[in-house]
N, C-alpha and C. Protein backbone atom coordinates (compact mmCIF):
# COMPACT_ATOMS: atom_id res chain seq x y z
N MET A 1 93.75 69.34 104.69
CA MET A 1 94.68 70.43 104.85
C MET A 1 95.92 70.21 104.10
N SER A 2 96.85 71.12 103.60
CA SER A 2 97.62 71.38 102.58
C SER A 2 98.77 71.53 103.29
N HIS A 3 99.69 71.69 103.27
CA HIS A 3 101.11 72.20 103.42
C HIS A 3 102.55 72.69 102.63
N GLY A 4 102.71 74.05 102.43
CA GLY A 4 103.40 73.93 101.36
C GLY A 4 102.51 74.66 100.16
N ALA A 5 103.32 75.38 99.59
CA ALA A 5 102.83 75.64 97.89
C ALA A 5 101.71 74.96 97.64
N THR A 6 100.70 75.50 98.21
CA THR A 6 99.25 74.93 98.29
C THR A 6 99.18 75.38 96.70
N GLU A 7 99.25 76.44 96.24
CA GLU A 7 99.03 77.39 94.90
C GLU A 7 99.53 76.28 93.89
N ALA A 8 100.28 75.50 93.84
CA ALA A 8 100.98 74.71 92.77
C ALA A 8 99.94 73.41 92.75
N LYS A 9 98.83 72.79 93.43
CA LYS A 9 98.01 71.74 93.39
C LYS A 9 96.98 72.43 92.48
N VAL A 10 97.18 73.76 92.63
CA VAL A 10 95.51 74.57 91.98
C VAL A 10 95.92 74.91 89.89
N PRO A 11 95.93 73.75 88.99
CA PRO A 11 93.81 72.76 89.26
C PRO A 11 93.74 71.42 89.31
N ASP A 12 95.00 71.28 90.02
CA ASP A 12 94.90 69.55 89.76
C ASP A 12 94.43 68.91 90.94
N ILE A 13 93.90 69.41 91.95
CA ILE A 13 93.61 68.71 93.10
C ILE A 13 92.25 70.06 93.67
N ALA A 14 92.38 70.97 93.38
CA ALA A 14 91.16 71.58 93.94
C ALA A 14 90.52 72.68 93.23
N ASP A 15 89.63 73.42 93.10
CA ASP A 15 89.22 74.33 91.95
C ASP A 15 89.70 75.90 92.64
N ALA A 16 90.18 75.74 93.74
CA ALA A 16 90.05 77.28 94.58
C ALA A 16 90.63 76.78 96.10
N ILE A 17 91.29 77.55 96.76
CA ILE A 17 92.09 77.45 97.83
C ILE A 17 91.68 78.69 98.75
N VAL A 18 91.97 78.63 100.13
CA VAL A 18 92.00 79.74 100.89
C VAL A 18 93.50 79.75 100.92
N GLU A 19 94.41 80.76 101.36
CA GLU A 19 95.61 80.70 101.49
C GLU A 19 96.13 82.13 102.32
N ILE A 20 97.37 82.04 103.15
CA ILE A 20 97.58 82.58 103.65
C ILE A 20 98.48 83.53 102.77
N THR A 21 98.60 85.12 102.43
CA THR A 21 99.87 85.37 101.28
C THR A 21 99.85 86.93 102.47
N GLU A 22 101.38 86.94 102.14
CA GLU A 22 101.38 88.53 102.67
C GLU A 22 101.85 90.04 101.39
N THR A 23 102.00 89.21 100.07
CA THR A 23 101.94 90.15 98.91
C THR A 23 101.20 88.76 97.28
N GLY A 24 100.84 87.80 97.75
CA GLY A 24 100.21 87.55 96.88
C GLY A 24 101.19 86.91 95.41
N ARG A 25 102.27 87.15 95.52
CA ARG A 25 103.20 87.25 94.62
C ARG A 25 103.56 85.64 94.11
N ALA A 26 103.27 84.71 95.26
CA ALA A 26 103.59 83.33 94.60
C ALA A 26 102.22 83.26 94.14
N ILE A 27 101.09 83.61 94.75
CA ILE A 27 99.73 83.08 93.70
C ILE A 27 99.43 83.16 92.53
N ARG A 28 100.16 84.76 92.54
CA ARG A 28 99.84 85.42 90.70
C ARG A 28 101.50 84.68 89.98
N ALA A 29 102.38 84.07 90.46
CA ALA A 29 103.51 83.56 89.75
C ALA A 29 102.83 82.28 89.29
N ALA A 30 101.82 81.41 89.86
CA ALA A 30 101.15 79.71 89.44
C ALA A 30 100.25 80.31 88.42
N GLY A 31 99.93 81.35 88.15
CA GLY A 31 98.60 81.56 87.59
C GLY A 31 97.65 82.20 87.84
N LEU A 32 97.70 81.58 89.37
CA LEU A 32 96.28 82.34 89.74
C LEU A 32 95.73 84.02 90.02
N ARG A 33 94.35 83.94 90.11
CA ARG A 33 94.15 85.12 90.84
C ARG A 33 93.47 85.30 92.43
N ILE A 34 93.68 86.37 93.29
CA ILE A 34 92.90 86.65 94.34
C ILE A 34 91.49 86.86 94.01
N ILE A 35 90.72 86.48 93.70
CA ILE A 35 89.21 86.42 93.63
C ILE A 35 88.11 87.33 95.14
N ASP A 36 88.60 86.97 96.68
CA ASP A 36 88.32 87.91 97.59
C ASP A 36 89.67 87.63 98.77
N THR A 37 89.50 88.73 99.59
CA THR A 37 90.21 88.87 100.60
C THR A 37 89.63 88.58 101.58
N ILE A 38 89.60 87.26 103.02
CA ILE A 38 88.68 87.17 103.37
C ILE A 38 88.65 87.62 104.82
N LEU A 39 89.77 87.80 104.85
CA LEU A 39 91.10 88.61 106.35
C LEU A 39 92.00 89.46 106.29
N VAL A 40 92.15 90.49 106.66
CA VAL A 40 93.11 91.58 106.69
C VAL A 40 93.86 91.52 108.28
N SER A 41 94.71 90.38 108.42
CA SER A 41 95.38 90.77 110.16
C SER A 41 97.03 91.84 109.98
N TYR A 42 97.28 91.78 111.04
CA TYR A 42 98.14 92.79 111.48
C TYR A 42 99.21 92.24 112.66
N THR A 43 100.03 92.44 112.85
CA THR A 43 101.21 92.37 114.19
C THR A 43 100.69 93.12 115.34
N GLU A 44 101.06 92.42 116.60
CA GLU A 44 101.11 93.09 117.80
C GLU A 44 101.72 92.67 118.55
N VAL A 45 102.74 93.88 119.54
CA VAL A 45 103.11 93.02 120.45
C VAL A 45 102.67 93.51 121.82
N VAL A 46 102.92 92.48 122.81
CA VAL A 46 101.53 92.14 124.00
C VAL A 46 102.28 92.64 124.96
N ALA A 47 102.59 93.05 126.10
CA ALA A 47 103.33 93.20 127.29
C ALA A 47 102.55 92.79 128.69
N ASN A 48 102.82 91.89 129.44
CA ASN A 48 102.27 92.29 130.68
C ASN A 48 102.73 93.42 131.35
N PRO A 49 101.20 94.23 131.72
CA PRO A 49 101.50 95.58 132.81
C PRO A 49 102.32 95.70 133.37
N GLU A 50 102.07 94.28 134.53
CA GLU A 50 102.87 94.13 135.99
C GLU A 50 104.72 93.85 134.94
N ALA A 51 104.81 93.26 134.05
CA ALA A 51 106.21 93.57 133.93
C ALA A 51 106.72 94.47 133.27
N ALA A 52 105.37 95.44 132.62
CA ALA A 52 105.73 96.66 132.06
C ALA A 52 106.54 97.52 133.16
N ARG A 53 106.00 97.29 134.60
CA ARG A 53 106.42 98.64 135.72
C ARG A 53 107.57 98.19 135.88
N ASP A 54 108.32 97.29 135.66
CA ASP A 54 109.75 96.63 136.33
C ASP A 54 110.56 97.51 135.39
N PRO A 55 111.21 98.67 136.09
CA PRO A 55 112.37 99.12 134.99
C PRO A 55 113.12 98.63 134.38
N ALA A 56 113.41 97.34 134.45
CA ALA A 56 114.65 96.30 133.80
C ALA A 56 113.89 95.21 132.89
N LYS A 57 112.38 94.91 133.10
CA LYS A 57 112.04 94.75 132.18
C LYS A 57 111.55 95.41 131.17
N LEU A 58 111.01 96.85 131.41
CA LEU A 58 110.57 97.31 130.65
C LEU A 58 111.54 98.03 129.60
N HIS A 59 112.82 98.08 130.20
CA HIS A 59 113.80 98.63 129.19
C HIS A 59 114.42 97.18 127.81
N ALA A 60 113.88 96.07 128.95
CA ALA A 60 114.65 94.65 127.67
C ALA A 60 113.14 94.92 126.48
N MET A 61 111.94 95.11 126.76
CA MET A 61 111.07 95.30 125.58
C MET A 61 111.69 96.56 124.97
N THR A 62 111.96 97.52 125.67
CA THR A 62 112.50 98.37 124.46
C THR A 62 112.98 98.28 123.31
N GLN A 63 114.07 97.39 124.07
CA GLN A 63 115.16 96.80 123.26
C GLN A 63 114.76 96.10 121.90
N ILE A 64 113.79 94.89 122.47
CA ILE A 64 113.52 94.04 121.75
C ILE A 64 112.50 94.81 121.01
N MET A 65 112.01 96.00 120.56
CA MET A 65 111.40 96.78 120.10
C MET A 65 112.03 97.53 118.68
N THR A 66 112.94 98.33 119.78
CA THR A 66 114.51 98.97 118.61
C THR A 66 114.60 98.09 117.77
N LEU A 67 114.91 96.56 118.04
CA LEU A 67 114.85 95.59 116.65
C LEU A 67 114.06 95.29 115.60
N LEU A 68 112.82 94.76 116.32
CA LEU A 68 111.45 94.61 115.78
C LEU A 68 111.07 96.12 115.03
N THR A 69 111.23 97.02 115.24
CA THR A 69 110.81 98.16 114.74
C THR A 69 112.22 98.37 113.40
N GLY A 70 113.61 98.38 113.77
CA GLY A 70 114.60 98.42 112.62
C GLY A 70 114.14 97.59 111.84
N ALA A 71 114.31 96.13 111.57
CA ALA A 71 113.95 95.32 110.56
C ALA A 71 112.85 95.36 109.87
N LEU A 72 111.56 96.47 110.63
CA LEU A 72 110.62 96.50 109.31
C LEU A 72 110.92 97.84 108.87
N LYS A 73 111.54 98.57 109.17
CA LYS A 73 112.03 99.88 108.55
C LYS A 73 113.09 99.40 107.48
N ALA A 74 113.76 98.43 107.84
CA ALA A 74 114.97 98.31 107.07
C ALA A 74 114.38 97.27 105.41
N ARG A 75 113.30 96.42 105.56
CA ARG A 75 112.25 96.10 104.36
C ARG A 75 111.96 97.23 103.46
N ALA A 76 111.75 98.19 103.79
CA ALA A 76 111.40 99.05 102.65
C ALA A 76 112.64 99.57 102.12
N ASN A 77 113.95 99.43 102.67
CA ASN A 77 115.12 99.95 101.82
C ASN A 77 116.51 99.88 101.50
N VAL A 78 117.14 100.32 100.63
CA VAL A 78 118.39 99.43 100.51
C VAL A 78 119.45 100.72 100.13
N LEU A 79 120.77 99.66 100.57
CA LEU A 79 121.83 100.79 100.55
C LEU A 79 122.54 100.51 99.19
N VAL A 80 122.81 102.12 98.53
CA VAL A 80 123.02 102.21 97.82
C VAL A 80 124.96 102.52 98.05
N LYS A 81 125.54 102.02 96.95
CA LYS A 81 127.16 101.98 97.06
C LYS A 81 127.51 102.75 95.70
N LEU A 82 128.55 103.56 95.24
CA LEU A 82 128.65 103.95 94.11
C LEU A 82 130.11 104.46 94.33
N ASN A 83 130.57 104.21 92.92
CA ASN A 83 131.98 105.36 92.79
C ASN A 83 131.78 106.84 91.93
N VAL A 84 132.39 107.95 92.00
CA VAL A 84 131.83 108.79 91.33
C VAL A 84 133.12 109.98 91.11
N GLY A 85 133.47 109.73 89.79
CA GLY A 85 134.81 111.51 89.76
C GLY A 85 134.28 112.60 90.12
N GLU A 86 135.25 113.66 90.69
CA GLU A 86 135.18 114.53 90.84
C GLU A 86 134.26 115.69 89.94
N ALA A 87 134.44 115.52 88.86
CA ALA A 87 133.92 116.50 88.21
C ALA A 87 132.15 116.32 88.02
N ASP A 88 131.59 114.64 88.15
CA ASP A 88 130.07 114.48 88.29
C ASP A 88 129.50 114.26 89.90
N LEU A 89 130.73 114.53 90.72
CA LEU A 89 129.83 114.12 92.21
C LEU A 89 128.58 115.18 92.17
N ASN A 90 128.14 116.49 91.77
CA ASN A 90 127.43 117.10 92.39
C ASN A 90 126.09 116.60 91.67
N SER A 91 126.34 116.39 90.61
CA SER A 91 125.28 115.31 89.84
C SER A 91 124.44 114.21 90.30
N VAL A 92 125.65 113.48 90.83
CA VAL A 92 125.19 111.97 91.53
C VAL A 92 124.81 112.56 92.97
N ILE A 93 124.89 113.24 93.65
CA ILE A 93 124.52 114.26 94.70
C ILE A 93 122.67 114.36 94.23
N GLU A 94 122.72 115.62 93.77
CA GLU A 94 121.57 115.82 92.98
C GLU A 94 120.37 115.03 93.03
N THR A 95 120.95 113.86 91.61
CA THR A 95 120.16 112.72 92.12
C THR A 95 119.78 111.56 92.57
N LEU A 96 120.38 111.75 93.78
CA LEU A 96 120.42 110.36 94.86
C LEU A 96 119.75 110.67 96.15
N PRO A 97 118.60 110.23 96.38
CA PRO A 97 117.30 110.87 97.28
C PRO A 97 117.70 110.05 98.50
N PHE A 98 118.21 110.41 100.15
CA PHE A 98 119.03 109.68 101.30
C PHE A 98 118.21 110.31 102.18
N MET A 99 118.34 109.42 103.66
CA MET A 99 117.28 109.42 104.94
C MET A 99 118.28 111.20 105.05
N LYS A 100 119.21 111.09 105.61
CA LYS A 100 119.77 112.75 105.84
C LYS A 100 120.99 113.16 105.18
N ALA A 101 121.91 112.31 105.05
CA ALA A 101 122.79 112.94 104.08
C ALA A 101 123.45 111.24 103.65
N PRO A 102 124.23 111.97 102.48
CA PRO A 102 124.87 111.01 102.30
C PRO A 102 126.27 110.56 102.67
N THR A 103 126.52 109.45 103.14
CA THR A 103 128.19 108.87 103.38
C THR A 103 128.91 109.03 102.06
N ILE A 104 129.96 110.35 101.94
CA ILE A 104 130.89 110.79 100.82
C ILE A 104 132.51 110.60 101.54
N SER A 105 133.33 109.31 100.83
CA SER A 105 134.70 109.33 101.32
C SER A 105 136.07 109.34 99.70
N LYS A 106 136.68 110.26 100.48
CA LYS A 106 137.50 110.45 98.90
C LYS A 106 138.16 108.90 98.57
N LEU A 107 138.30 108.52 97.68
CA LEU A 107 138.96 107.24 96.93
C LEU A 107 140.37 107.10 96.75
N TYR A 108 141.04 106.23 97.50
CA TYR A 108 142.84 106.03 97.45
C TYR A 108 142.93 106.85 95.97
N GLY A 109 144.09 107.65 96.42
CA GLY A 109 144.50 108.40 95.10
C GLY A 109 144.11 109.20 94.33
N ASP A 110 143.29 109.50 95.07
CA ASP A 110 142.25 110.84 94.73
C ASP A 110 141.71 111.09 93.09
N VAL A 111 141.20 109.33 93.15
CA VAL A 111 140.66 109.34 91.76
C VAL A 111 138.98 109.29 91.62
N GLY A 112 138.45 109.76 92.94
CA GLY A 112 137.07 109.99 92.72
C GLY A 112 136.71 109.97 94.55
N TYR A 113 135.34 109.59 94.23
CA TYR A 113 134.61 109.55 95.88
C TYR A 113 133.84 108.04 95.81
N ALA A 114 133.70 107.56 97.34
CA ALA A 114 132.51 106.83 97.07
C ALA A 114 131.62 107.32 97.98
N VAL A 115 130.70 107.21 97.49
CA VAL A 115 129.23 107.56 98.39
C VAL A 115 128.10 106.04 98.54
N GLU A 116 127.78 106.94 99.39
CA GLU A 116 126.93 105.83 100.19
C GLU A 116 125.33 106.45 101.09
N ALA A 117 124.26 105.43 100.72
CA ALA A 117 123.11 105.73 100.69
C ALA A 117 122.37 105.44 101.24
N VAL A 118 121.03 105.14 102.34
CA VAL A 118 120.22 104.52 101.96
C VAL A 118 118.73 105.20 101.62
N VAL A 119 118.06 104.29 100.55
CA VAL A 119 117.30 104.81 99.61
C VAL A 119 116.09 104.21 99.71
N ALA A 120 114.83 104.53 99.23
CA ALA A 120 113.53 103.40 99.20
C ALA A 120 113.96 102.39 98.08
N ARG A 121 113.13 101.02 98.54
CA ARG A 121 113.92 99.89 97.57
C ARG A 121 112.81 99.98 96.50
N SER A 122 111.44 100.93 96.68
CA SER A 122 110.41 100.81 95.34
C SER A 122 110.62 101.77 94.48
N GLN A 123 112.45 102.86 95.07
CA GLN A 123 112.87 103.77 93.70
C GLN A 123 114.09 103.33 93.10
N ILE A 124 114.64 101.97 93.64
CA ILE A 124 115.85 101.47 93.17
C ILE A 124 116.19 101.21 91.79
N ASN A 125 115.02 100.66 91.41
CA ASN A 125 115.11 100.17 89.25
C ASN A 125 115.00 101.65 88.84
N THR A 126 114.91 102.86 89.08
CA THR A 126 114.58 103.73 88.35
C THR A 126 115.47 104.52 88.42
N LEU A 127 116.48 104.12 89.66
CA LEU A 127 117.38 105.54 90.78
C LEU A 127 118.58 104.74 89.83
N ILE A 128 119.03 103.35 89.55
CA ILE A 128 120.56 103.11 89.05
C ILE A 128 120.68 103.94 88.07
N PRO A 129 119.98 103.51 86.76
CA PRO A 129 120.40 104.01 85.71
C PRO A 129 120.14 105.72 85.73
N ALA A 130 119.44 106.43 86.46
CA ALA A 130 119.63 108.16 86.80
C ALA A 130 121.03 108.35 87.21
N LEU A 131 121.42 107.52 88.20
CA LEU A 131 122.92 107.02 88.67
C LEU A 131 123.55 106.80 87.67
N LYS A 132 123.71 106.28 86.85
CA LYS A 132 124.66 106.07 85.85
C LYS A 132 124.60 106.96 85.29
N ASP A 133 123.22 107.45 84.58
CA ASP A 133 123.22 108.99 84.22
C ASP A 133 124.44 110.08 83.83
N ALA A 134 124.28 110.10 85.49
CA ALA A 134 124.64 111.23 86.40
C ALA A 134 126.14 111.33 86.38
N GLY A 135 126.74 110.08 86.19
CA GLY A 135 128.11 109.54 86.42
C GLY A 135 129.11 108.90 87.40
N ALA A 136 128.07 108.13 87.95
CA ALA A 136 128.22 107.37 88.89
C ALA A 136 128.70 105.60 88.03
N THR A 137 129.46 105.68 89.13
CA THR A 137 130.45 103.84 88.59
C THR A 137 130.27 102.85 89.42
N ASP A 138 130.74 101.62 89.48
CA ASP A 138 130.70 100.96 90.49
C ASP A 138 129.19 100.59 91.37
N ILE A 139 128.38 100.83 90.67
CA ILE A 139 127.38 101.03 91.53
C ILE A 139 126.51 99.52 92.23
N LEU A 140 126.44 99.06 93.72
CA LEU A 140 125.83 98.46 94.55
C LEU A 140 124.72 98.85 95.11
N GLU A 141 123.61 97.39 94.95
CA GLU A 141 122.83 97.58 95.87
C GLU A 141 122.72 96.58 96.92
N ILE A 142 122.28 96.87 98.15
CA ILE A 142 123.05 96.34 99.08
C ILE A 142 121.86 96.00 100.03
N PRO A 143 121.05 94.78 100.01
CA PRO A 143 119.66 94.95 101.28
C PRO A 143 120.11 95.03 103.03
N LEU A 144 119.26 95.36 103.52
CA LEU A 144 119.36 95.99 104.59
C LEU A 144 118.58 95.01 105.67
N SER A 145 119.37 94.70 106.91
CA SER A 145 118.58 93.94 107.74
C SER A 145 117.95 94.68 108.99
N LYS A 146 118.54 95.49 109.35
CA LYS A 146 117.79 96.96 110.58
C LYS A 146 118.01 98.06 110.01
N ILE A 147 117.17 99.46 110.26
CA ILE A 147 117.49 100.38 110.63
C ILE A 147 117.13 100.96 111.82
N VAL A 148 118.74 101.55 112.46
CA VAL A 148 117.68 102.20 114.01
C VAL A 148 118.18 103.28 113.65
N PRO A 149 117.06 104.43 113.69
CA PRO A 149 117.64 105.50 113.76
C PRO A 149 118.24 106.00 114.98
């Protein structure tokens, strides 16, 4: 049995390994390749039916689910914050995807606007240059820990 960084031990002490991985990124980074998948697993939340009939306990379970699903939803998204002058505001908003609507605030001294929106993490690397081309400045990408609609 091996503990920690098993992929780093190949080929020094093994020809192959069985590894639990979420993305396979560390395995590929070690110069290895996945040759087969043995098992695909998933997570379930299980509740005692008797406890679920108790309104106070059911409420607590619902609150825990809110936090868990909020954390899972946040994994796929980031917060983008940026500044933009008035002349480029519409162009930036047309470029920017968002959940419901972007938050737009006037900057101090009427020198433009601060804009923020939650966007898909998968789009961020093409979105930032597009926002810059549309006139955005001071662009920040901020990781999220929870999104609770």
